[in-house]
Structures are given as structure tokens and as C-alpha cells.
Amino acid sequence: MSSNSTGPAPVIPSVSLALFRVGFGIMWLDMALQKAPWVIQDGQRFGWLYGFIWKEINHPTFEFYKNFLHDVVLPNFNTFGYLTFFSEMAFGLSLFLGLFTVLGGISGGLFQVNIMLGAYSVPGEWYWIWFLLIAPHFVFAHSRAGRRLGIDRLLHDRFVKGEVEGRGIRKVLAWII
């Protein structure tokens, strides 16, 4: 990596990483649409989400998480259903469009950790899949993958480029893109 008087030169992510990011965005959008508020399964809104939460409760990995699902999530299922749907749509759009990719990558990775806490011991779930679902999100964030084939590149060039010590909105933009 070369450097200049202001620090290391920024690294532009590869096209292959950008395409991988787009693929993960499509995955999130697909998952969100399967749990959309208008998708009814077994008499419940939000598709298969309700049934899967019951699987997590019946096959807990951690007792505290089972109690959280049973005592907090289920009684407030509509709220959590909407939160899940809109969160997954946001992760999907962020990664697909390369928009605020650092934020989308970190929050998507942490959301996958949350899912892992409940799903790890569910029969039929692949315990080894979690690394494959979590790690790429942090790679997208760390590499700023939205700066290749993404809106983050346009935002960076328009608002942040050349700013060593930004202030206000520029500082926030510099962090999330």
C-alpha cells in the first residue's frame, strides 16, 4: 500500500468483492420478502418467522435467549415482525446498492449473530453456516465494498474525498461509506 503525506492511499475494493456484496444484498431482500407482513403462513403474518421462533424456543442453545423469545418477542410479535422485515430490507438495499455499506455490513453481521443465538441448536440447521453468513458482512464493512459498483463511491467522491478531518455530516458520511 502506498502512502502520502496525509496517510495511506485508500484501497478500492475489487469488482469480485462488489459482486459478492450484491449477492448478499439479494439474499437479504429474498429473506425479507419471505417474512413480509402480507405473507401469511399457518394463520400468522410475516411468513415462516413465527414458526421458526417456536423452533428456536423448543430447541434452545441458550436459556436466556429462549426466555427472551418466549417472554418478549412472542407477546410483541407484530412489532418484532415489522422490525425484522424492515431491518432485512435495509440490509439488503444497503448491500445491493452499495449504500452506507459499512453500516449495513456491521449491522447485518450483528443481526446474523442474533439469528445464530436462537437457531444454532434447531434440528436441520447447519451449525457451520454461521461463519459463512457472518464473516462476509464484516469484510464488506472493513473493505468499504460499496465504493466499487455502489452508491458509496458517488457519495465519497461528492462529499468526503479529500477530507482528512471532516466535521458534522461529512464525518458521519466518511464513517458509514
Protein backbone atom coordinates (compact mmCIF):
# COMPACT_ATOMS: atom_id res chain seq x y z
CA MET A 1 0.00 0.00 0.00
CA SER A 2 1.41 3.35 -0.92
CA SER A 3 1.25 6.35 1.33
CA ASN A 4 1.44 10.10 1.03
CA SER A 5 1.69 12.96 3.48
CA THR A 6 -1.92 12.56 4.57
CA GLY A 7 -1.69 8.83 5.26
CA PRO A 8 -2.19 5.60 3.38
CA ALA A 9 -3.82 5.74 -0.04
CA PRO A 10 -7.37 4.36 0.00
CA VAL A 11 -7.80 0.88 -1.39
CA ILE A 12 -10.59 0.41 -3.91
CA PRO A 13 -12.39 -2.92 -3.44
CA SER A 14 -12.33 -5.40 -6.29
CA VAL A 15 -15.22 -5.99 -8.67
CA SER A 16 -15.47 -9.58 -7.41
CA LEU A 17 -16.00 -8.33 -3.84
CA ALA A 18 -18.61 -5.87 -5.10
CA LEU A 19 -20.47 -8.68 -6.88
CA PHE A 20 -20.29 -10.82 -3.72
CA ARG A 21 -21.75 -7.86 -1.79
CA VAL A 22 -24.57 -7.55 -4.34
CA GLY A 23 -25.28 -11.28 -3.97
CA PHE A 24 -25.58 -10.91 -0.20
CA GLY A 25 -27.90 -7.97 -0.76
CA ILE A 26 -30.14 -10.14 -2.92
CA MET A 27 -30.07 -12.84 -0.23
CA TRP A 28 -31.27 -10.33 2.40
CA LEU A 29 -34.01 -8.99 0.11
CA ASP A 30 -35.22 -12.53 -0.58
CA MET A 31 -35.26 -13.35 3.14
CA ALA A 32 -37.14 -10.13 3.93
CA LEU A 33 -39.78 -10.80 1.28
CA GLN A 34 -40.35 -14.30 2.67
CA LYS A 35 -41.20 -12.66 6.00
CA ALA A 36 -43.12 -9.68 4.66
CA PRO A 37 -46.17 -8.52 6.66
CA TRP A 38 -48.52 -9.58 3.87
CA VAL A 39 -47.17 -13.16 3.73
CA ILE A 40 -49.49 -15.40 5.78
CA GLN A 41 -48.37 -18.86 6.88
CA ASP A 42 -50.22 -21.07 9.35
CA GLY A 43 -52.55 -18.17 10.14
CA GLN A 44 -49.70 -15.82 11.09
CA ARG A 45 -48.37 -12.76 9.32
CA PHE A 46 -44.66 -12.48 8.46
CA GLY A 47 -44.36 -15.80 6.65
CA TRP A 48 -42.38 -18.53 8.38
CA LEU A 49 -40.94 -16.24 11.10
CA TYR A 50 -43.45 -17.20 13.81
CA GLY A 51 -42.98 -20.93 13.26
CA PHE A 52 -39.22 -20.61 13.26
CA ILE A 53 -39.23 -18.69 16.54
CA TRP A 54 -41.15 -21.60 18.06
CA LYS A 55 -38.48 -23.99 16.75
CA GLU A 56 -35.83 -21.85 18.45
CA ILE A 57 -37.80 -21.88 21.71
CA ASN A 58 -38.24 -25.67 21.56
CA HIS A 59 -34.54 -26.29 20.75
CA PRO A 60 -32.68 -23.60 22.70
CA THR A 61 -28.96 -23.05 22.54
CA PHE A 62 -29.09 -20.61 25.45
CA GLU A 63 -31.76 -20.47 28.15
CA PHE A 64 -31.63 -16.66 28.36
CA TYR A 65 -32.33 -16.39 24.63
CA LYS A 66 -35.20 -18.89 24.84
CA ASN A 67 -36.71 -16.78 27.63
CA PHE A 68 -36.25 -13.61 25.58
CA LEU A 69 -38.04 -15.13 22.59
CA HIS A 70 -40.85 -16.58 24.71
CA ASP A 71 -41.38 -13.67 27.12
CA VAL A 72 -40.57 -10.64 24.95
CA VAL A 73 -40.68 -11.47 21.23
CA LEU A 74 -43.81 -13.63 21.04
CA PRO A 75 -46.03 -11.28 23.09
CA ASN A 76 -44.88 -8.44 20.81
CA PHE A 77 -44.68 -10.48 17.63
CA ASN A 78 -46.15 -7.84 15.29
CA THR A 79 -43.58 -5.29 16.43
CA PHE A 80 -40.71 -7.75 16.04
CA GLY A 81 -42.12 -8.94 12.71
CA TYR A 82 -42.04 -5.41 11.34
CA LEU A 83 -38.57 -4.81 12.83
CA THR A 84 -37.31 -7.99 11.17
CA PHE A 85 -38.86 -7.17 7.81
CA PHE A 86 -37.62 -3.57 7.68
CA SER A 87 -34.18 -4.45 9.06
CA GLU A 88 -33.67 -7.18 6.48
CA MET A 89 -34.89 -4.87 3.70
CA ALA A 90 -32.43 -2.21 4.89
CA PHE A 91 -29.51 -4.68 4.97
CA GLY A 92 -30.49 -5.94 1.52
CA LEU A 93 -30.77 -2.49 -0.03
CA SER A 94 -27.56 -1.33 1.63
CA LEU A 95 -25.54 -4.23 0.26
CA PHE A 96 -27.29 -4.45 -3.11
CA LEU A 97 -26.93 -0.75 -3.85
CA GLY A 98 -23.60 -0.28 -2.09
CA LEU A 99 -25.22 2.43 0.04
CA PHE A 100 -23.84 3.03 3.56
CA THR A 101 -22.08 -0.32 3.24
CA VAL A 102 -20.04 0.00 6.42
CA LEU A 103 -23.20 0.48 8.45
CA GLY A 104 -25.08 -2.22 6.50
CA GLY A 105 -22.20 -4.67 6.83
CA ILE A 106 -21.75 -4.24 10.56
CA SER A 107 -25.46 -4.27 11.39
CA GLY A 108 -26.12 -7.20 9.02
CA GLY A 109 -23.32 -9.20 10.63
CA LEU A 110 -24.62 -8.47 14.11
CA PHE A 111 -28.16 -9.38 13.01
CA GLN A 112 -26.81 -12.73 11.81
CA VAL A 113 -25.16 -13.24 15.21
CA ASN A 114 -28.58 -12.61 16.76
CA ILE A 115 -30.17 -15.22 14.48
CA MET A 116 -27.37 -17.66 15.30
CA LEU A 117 -28.07 -17.37 19.04
CA GLY A 118 -31.54 -18.80 18.51
CA ALA A 119 -31.05 -21.09 15.52
CA TYR A 120 -27.77 -22.83 16.33
CA SER A 121 -29.43 -25.84 18.00
CA VAL A 122 -32.50 -26.11 15.77
CA PRO A 123 -32.51 -29.54 14.12
CA GLY A 124 -31.72 -29.32 10.43
CA GLU A 125 -29.83 -26.04 10.76
CA TRP A 126 -26.21 -26.19 9.67
CA TYR A 127 -24.11 -25.14 12.66
CA TRP A 128 -21.15 -24.31 10.42
CA ILE A 129 -23.13 -21.93 8.18
CA TRP A 130 -22.93 -19.07 10.67
CA PHE A 131 -19.33 -18.20 9.89
CA LEU A 132 -20.25 -18.13 6.19
CA LEU A 133 -23.16 -15.78 6.87
CA ILE A 134 -21.47 -13.51 9.42
CA ALA A 135 -17.89 -13.02 8.23
CA PRO A 136 -18.67 -11.55 4.77
CA HIS A 137 -20.64 -8.71 6.36
CA PHE A 138 -17.60 -7.57 8.30
CA VAL A 139 -15.44 -7.95 5.20
CA PHE A 140 -17.87 -5.71 3.27
CA ALA A 141 -17.72 -3.13 6.06
CA HIS A 142 -13.97 -3.25 6.57
CA SER A 143 -13.16 -3.07 2.86
CA ARG A 144 -15.82 -0.42 2.21
CA ALA A 145 -17.16 -2.65 -0.56
CA GLY A 146 -19.79 -0.08 -1.56
CA ARG A 147 -17.09 2.05 -3.12
CA ARG A 148 -16.94 -0.32 -6.08
CA LEU A 149 -20.13 -0.60 -8.16
CA GLY A 150 -22.04 1.20 -5.43
CA ILE A 151 -23.58 4.50 -4.40
CA ASP A 152 -20.96 4.86 -1.66
CA ARG A 153 -18.42 5.68 -4.36
CA LEU A 154 -20.55 8.58 -5.59
CA LEU A 155 -21.14 9.84 -2.05
CA HIS A 156 -17.46 9.54 -1.23
CA ASP A 157 -16.40 11.45 -4.34
CA ARG A 158 -19.05 14.13 -3.82
CA PHE A 159 -18.95 14.72 -0.09
CA VAL A 160 -15.93 13.16 1.57
CA LYS A 161 -13.00 12.90 -0.85
CA GLY A 162 -10.04 14.95 0.30
CA GLU A 163 -11.45 15.42 3.81
CA VAL A 164 -8.86 14.33 6.34
CA GLU A 165 -10.72 15.68 9.36
CA GLY A 166 -14.37 16.10 8.40
CA ARG A 167 -16.98 17.71 10.62
CA GLY A 168 -20.63 17.07 11.15
CA ILE A 169 -22.40 15.20 8.38
CA ARG A 170 -19.16 14.76 6.42
CA LYS A 171 -17.62 12.95 9.37
CA VAL A 172 -20.64 10.65 9.67
CA LEU A 173 -20.67 10.03 5.90
CA ALA A 174 -16.94 9.29 5.94
CA TRP A 175 -17.53 6.64 8.59
CA ILE A 176 -20.55 4.87 7.05
CA ILE A 177 -19.39 4.83 3.44
